[in-house]
């Protein structure tokens, strides 16, 4: 397994769905969400903390909540490019 890149995440109840959402889409898809957050004055956290504004979480801690916070229709993992 030498030379194989590996990301390891320790999820908590707070970060689980944010990590699921972040890790179940392509890089292009996640960049789209992060860009959307920036244009809305929000922060999109790759560590699972979801969407925040001025340090306060604005999603409800669910995958669907992340999409709602970005004013986007929910996209199931199997449909994320």
C-alpha atoms as a PDB file:
ATOM      1  CA  UNK A   1       0.000   0.000   0.000  1.00  0.00           C
ATOM      2  CA  UNK A   2       3.004   2.290  -0.165  1.00  0.00           C
ATOM      3  CA  UNK A   3       2.485   5.327  -2.352  1.00  0.00           C
ATOM      4  CA  UNK A   4      -1.318   5.160  -2.159  1.00  0.00           C
ATOM      5  CA  UNK A   5      -2.862   8.490  -1.055  1.00  0.00           C
ATOM      6  CA  UNK A   6      -5.206   8.096   1.874  1.00  0.00           C
ATOM      7  CA  UNK A   7      -7.489  10.527   3.692  1.00  0.00           C
ATOM      8  CA  UNK A   8      -8.606   9.548   7.185  1.00  0.00           C
ATOM      9  CA  UNK A   9     -11.447  11.351   8.902  1.00  0.00           C
ATOM     10  CA  UNK A  10     -12.745  10.937  12.419  1.00  0.00           C
ATOM     11  CA  UNK A  11     -16.432  11.769  12.288  1.00  0.00           C
ATOM     12  CA  UNK A  12     -18.581  12.868  15.183  1.00  0.00           C
ATOM     13  CA  UNK A  13     -22.352  13.216  15.302  1.00  0.00           C
ATOM     14  CA  UNK A  14     -21.822  16.882  14.388  1.00  0.00           C
ATOM     15  CA  UNK A  15     -19.623  16.215  11.350  1.00  0.00           C
ATOM     16  CA  UNK A  16     -20.958  12.902   9.988  1.00  0.00           C
ATOM     17  CA  UNK A  17     -23.414  14.223   7.371  1.00  0.00           C
ATOM     18  CA  UNK A  18     -21.133  17.047   6.301  1.00  0.00           C
ATOM     19  CA  UNK A  19     -18.406  14.489   5.607  1.00  0.00           C
ATOM     20  CA  UNK A  20     -20.832  12.176   3.802  1.00  0.00           C
ATOM     21  CA  UNK A  21     -21.940  15.067   1.590  1.00  0.00           C
ATOM     22  CA  UNK A  22     -18.388  16.260   0.946  1.00  0.00           C
ATOM     23  CA  UNK A  23     -16.980  12.805   0.189  1.00  0.00           C
ATOM     24  CA  UNK A  24     -19.811  11.493  -1.997  1.00  0.00           C
ATOM     25  CA  UNK A  25     -19.412  13.947  -4.849  1.00  0.00           C
ATOM     26  CA  UNK A  26     -16.695  14.632  -7.367  1.00  0.00           C
ATOM     27  CA  UNK A  27     -14.114  17.338  -6.835  1.00  0.00           C
ATOM     28  CA  UNK A  28     -15.873  19.412  -9.505  1.00  0.00           C
ATOM     29  CA  UNK A  29     -19.237  19.034  -7.745  1.00  0.00           C
ATOM     30  CA  UNK A  30     -17.783  20.027  -4.368  1.00  0.00           C
ATOM     31  CA  UNK A  31     -15.983  23.026  -5.872  1.00  0.00           C
ATOM     32  CA  UNK A  32     -19.337  24.131  -7.272  1.00  0.00           C
ATOM     33  CA  UNK A  33     -20.894  23.980  -3.795  1.00  0.00           C
ATOM     34  CA  UNK A  34     -17.933  25.759  -2.201  1.00  0.00           C
ATOM     35  CA  UNK A  35     -18.069  28.489  -4.859  1.00  0.00           C
ATOM     36  CA  UNK A  36     -21.775  28.911  -4.284  1.00  0.00           C
ATOM     37  CA  UNK A  37     -21.162  29.315  -0.549  1.00  0.00           C
ATOM     38  CA  UNK A  38     -18.527  31.984  -1.187  1.00  0.00           C
ATOM     39  CA  UNK A  39     -20.826  33.989  -3.458  1.00  0.00           C
ATOM     40  CA  UNK A  40     -23.455  33.880  -0.705  1.00  0.00           C
ATOM     41  CA  UNK A  41     -20.986  35.073   1.955  1.00  0.00           C
ATOM     42  CA  UNK A  42     -20.861  31.621   3.562  1.00  0.00           C
ATOM     43  CA  UNK A  43     -18.104  29.155   4.374  1.00  0.00           C
ATOM     44  CA  UNK A  44     -18.226  25.520   3.160  1.00  0.00           C
ATOM     45  CA  UNK A  45     -16.158  23.324   5.484  1.00  0.00           C
ATOM     46  CA  UNK A  46     -14.473  20.210   4.121  1.00  0.00           C
ATOM     47  CA  UNK A  47     -14.001  18.827   7.626  1.00  0.00           C
ATOM     48  CA  UNK A  48     -17.716  18.107   8.008  1.00  0.00           C
ATOM     49  CA  UNK A  49     -18.723  21.221   9.930  1.00  0.00           C
ATOM     50  CA  UNK A  50     -21.172  22.056   7.145  1.00  0.00           C
ATOM     51  CA  UNK A  51     -22.026  25.605   6.123  1.00  0.00           C
ATOM     52  CA  UNK A  52     -21.296  28.539   8.406  1.00  0.00           C
ATOM     53  CA  UNK A  53     -21.704  32.288   8.374  1.00  0.00           C
ATOM     54  CA  UNK A  54     -19.512  34.336  10.700  1.00  0.00           C
ATOM     55  CA  UNK A  55     -18.613  31.152  12.581  1.00  0.00           C
ATOM     56  CA  UNK A  56     -22.215  30.035  13.159  1.00  0.00           C
ATOM     57  CA  UNK A  57     -23.519  26.914  11.467  1.00  0.00           C
ATOM     58  CA  UNK A  58     -26.444  27.724   9.174  1.00  0.00           C
ATOM     59  CA  UNK A  59     -27.364  24.233   7.942  1.00  0.00           C
ATOM     60  CA  UNK A  60     -29.265  21.766  10.120  1.00  0.00           C
ATOM     61  CA  UNK A  61     -26.504  19.149  10.284  1.00  0.00           C
ATOM     62  CA  UNK A  62     -27.934  16.972   7.510  1.00  0.00           C
ATOM     63  CA  UNK A  63     -26.893  16.450   3.908  1.00  0.00           C
ATOM     64  CA  UNK A  64     -30.164  17.967   2.735  1.00  0.00           C
ATOM     65  CA  UNK A  65     -29.615  20.904   5.080  1.00  0.00           C
ATOM     66  CA  UNK A  66     -26.326  21.732   3.377  1.00  0.00           C
ATOM     67  CA  UNK A  67     -28.129  22.019   0.040  1.00  0.00           C
ATOM     68  CA  UNK A  68     -30.914  24.118   1.614  1.00  0.00           C
ATOM     69  CA  UNK A  69     -28.343  26.462   3.176  1.00  0.00           C
ATOM     70  CA  UNK A  70     -26.929  26.963  -0.325  1.00  0.00           C
ATOM     71  CA  UNK A  71     -30.434  27.468  -1.737  1.00  0.00           C
ATOM     72  CA  UNK A  72     -30.007  24.418  -3.990  1.00  0.00           C
ATOM     73  CA  UNK A  73     -32.166  21.390  -4.710  1.00  0.00           C
ATOM     74  CA  UNK A  74     -30.872  18.255  -2.979  1.00  0.00           C
ATOM     75  CA  UNK A  75     -28.862  15.955  -5.254  1.00  0.00           C
ATOM     76  CA  UNK A  76     -28.615  12.308  -4.132  1.00  0.00           C
ATOM     77  CA  UNK A  77     -25.043  10.910  -3.966  1.00  0.00           C
ATOM     78  CA  UNK A  78     -25.535   8.623  -6.974  1.00  0.00           C
ATOM     79  CA  UNK A  79     -26.421  11.660  -9.125  1.00  0.00           C
ATOM     80  CA  UNK A  80     -23.471  13.840  -8.130  1.00  0.00           C
ATOM     81  CA  UNK A  81     -20.995  14.075 -10.974  1.00  0.00           C
END
